[in-house]
Amino acid sequence: MNFSSKSQLQLINLSYNDFFSGILVTIGALKKLEHL
């Protein structure tokens, strides 16, 4: 039980990290486009 909840939290954490890094990349790309 403890092991499965731990791995579930890790999966959620990984998906959140991917989500936020994707947002940061998108914001960075938009700022670069604004400067052009």
N, C-alpha and C. Protein backbone atom coordinates (compact mmCIF):
# COMPACT_ATOMS: atom_id res chain seq x y z
N MET A 1 0.85 -1.20 0.00
CA MET A 1 0.00 0.00 0.00
C MET A 1 0.89 1.26 0.00
N ASN A 2 1.85 1.29 0.92
CA ASN A 2 2.74 2.44 1.00
C ASN A 2 3.55 2.60 -0.28
N PHE A 3 4.01 1.46 -0.82
CA PHE A 3 4.84 1.50 -2.04
C PHE A 3 4.04 2.03 -3.23
N SER A 4 2.81 1.58 -3.38
CA SER A 4 2.00 1.99 -4.54
C SER A 4 1.65 3.48 -4.44
N SER A 5 1.37 3.96 -3.23
CA SER A 5 1.03 5.38 -3.09
C SER A 5 2.27 6.23 -3.36
N LYS A 6 3.45 5.71 -2.99
CA LYS A 6 4.69 6.45 -3.24
C LYS A 6 4.94 6.56 -4.74
N SER A 7 4.78 5.46 -5.46
CA SER A 7 5.03 5.50 -6.91
C SER A 7 3.98 6.36 -7.60
N GLN A 8 2.76 6.36 -7.07
CA GLN A 8 1.70 7.19 -7.66
C GLN A 8 2.06 8.67 -7.50
N LEU A 9 2.57 9.04 -6.32
CA LEU A 9 2.97 10.42 -6.09
C LEU A 9 4.11 10.80 -7.02
N GLN A 10 5.05 9.87 -7.25
CA GLN A 10 6.17 10.14 -8.14
C GLN A 10 5.66 10.41 -9.56
N LEU A 11 4.70 9.61 -10.01
CA LEU A 11 4.14 9.80 -11.35
C LEU A 11 3.46 11.15 -11.46
N ILE A 12 2.69 11.52 -10.45
CA ILE A 12 2.01 12.81 -10.44
C ILE A 12 3.03 13.94 -10.47
N ASN A 13 4.10 13.79 -9.65
CA ASN A 13 5.15 14.81 -9.59
C ASN A 13 5.82 14.97 -10.95
N LEU A 14 6.09 13.84 -11.62
CA LEU A 14 6.74 13.89 -12.94
C LEU A 14 5.85 14.60 -13.95
N SER A 15 4.55 14.30 -13.94
CA SER A 15 3.66 14.93 -14.91
C SER A 15 3.54 16.43 -14.63
N TYR A 16 3.56 16.82 -13.35
CA TYR A 16 3.52 18.24 -13.02
C TYR A 16 4.78 18.93 -13.52
N ASN A 17 5.95 18.28 -13.33
CA ASN A 17 7.21 18.86 -13.80
C ASN A 17 7.18 19.04 -15.30
N ASP A 18 6.69 18.04 -16.05
CA ASP A 18 6.60 18.15 -17.51
C ASP A 18 5.67 19.30 -17.89
N PHE A 19 4.57 19.41 -17.18
CA PHE A 19 3.57 20.44 -17.46
C PHE A 19 4.18 21.84 -17.29
N PHE A 20 4.85 22.05 -16.14
CA PHE A 20 5.42 23.37 -15.88
C PHE A 20 6.58 23.69 -16.81
N SER A 21 7.43 22.69 -17.11
CA SER A 21 8.54 22.96 -18.03
C SER A 21 8.00 23.27 -19.42
N GLY A 22 6.90 22.62 -19.80
CA GLY A 22 6.28 22.92 -21.09
C GLY A 22 5.76 24.35 -21.13
N ILE A 23 5.16 24.81 -20.03
CA ILE A 23 4.67 26.19 -19.96
C ILE A 23 5.84 27.17 -20.06
N LEU A 24 6.93 26.87 -19.33
CA LEU A 24 8.10 27.75 -19.36
C LEU A 24 8.68 27.83 -20.75
N VAL A 25 8.76 26.71 -21.45
CA VAL A 25 9.29 26.69 -22.82
C VAL A 25 8.39 27.52 -23.73
N THR A 26 7.08 27.38 -23.55
CA THR A 26 6.13 28.14 -24.38
C THR A 26 6.28 29.64 -24.13
N ILE A 27 6.39 30.03 -22.85
CA ILE A 27 6.56 31.45 -22.51
C ILE A 27 7.86 31.97 -23.11
N GLY A 28 8.93 31.18 -23.01
CA GLY A 28 10.22 31.59 -23.57
C GLY A 28 10.13 31.79 -25.07
N ALA A 29 9.43 30.88 -25.75
CA ALA A 29 9.29 30.98 -27.21
C ALA A 29 8.48 32.23 -27.57
N LEU A 30 7.42 32.51 -26.81
CA LEU A 30 6.60 33.70 -27.10
C LEU A 30 7.41 34.98 -26.90
N LYS A 31 8.23 35.01 -25.84
CA LYS A 31 9.05 36.21 -25.60
C LYS A 31 10.07 36.39 -26.72
N LYS A 32 10.63 35.29 -27.21
CA LYS A 32 11.59 35.38 -28.32
C LYS A 32 10.89 35.92 -29.56
N LEU A 33 9.66 35.46 -29.81
CA LEU A 33 8.91 35.93 -30.98
C LEU A 33 8.59 37.42 -30.85
N GLU A 34 8.32 37.87 -29.63
CA GLU A 34 8.01 39.29 -29.42
C GLU A 34 9.20 40.16 -29.75
N HIS A 35 10.41 39.67 -29.47
CA HIS A 35 11.61 40.47 -29.72
C HIS A 35 11.94 40.56 -31.20
N LEU A 36 11.44 39.62 -32.00
CA LEU A 36 11.76 39.63 -33.44
C LEU A 36 11.05 40.78 -34.16
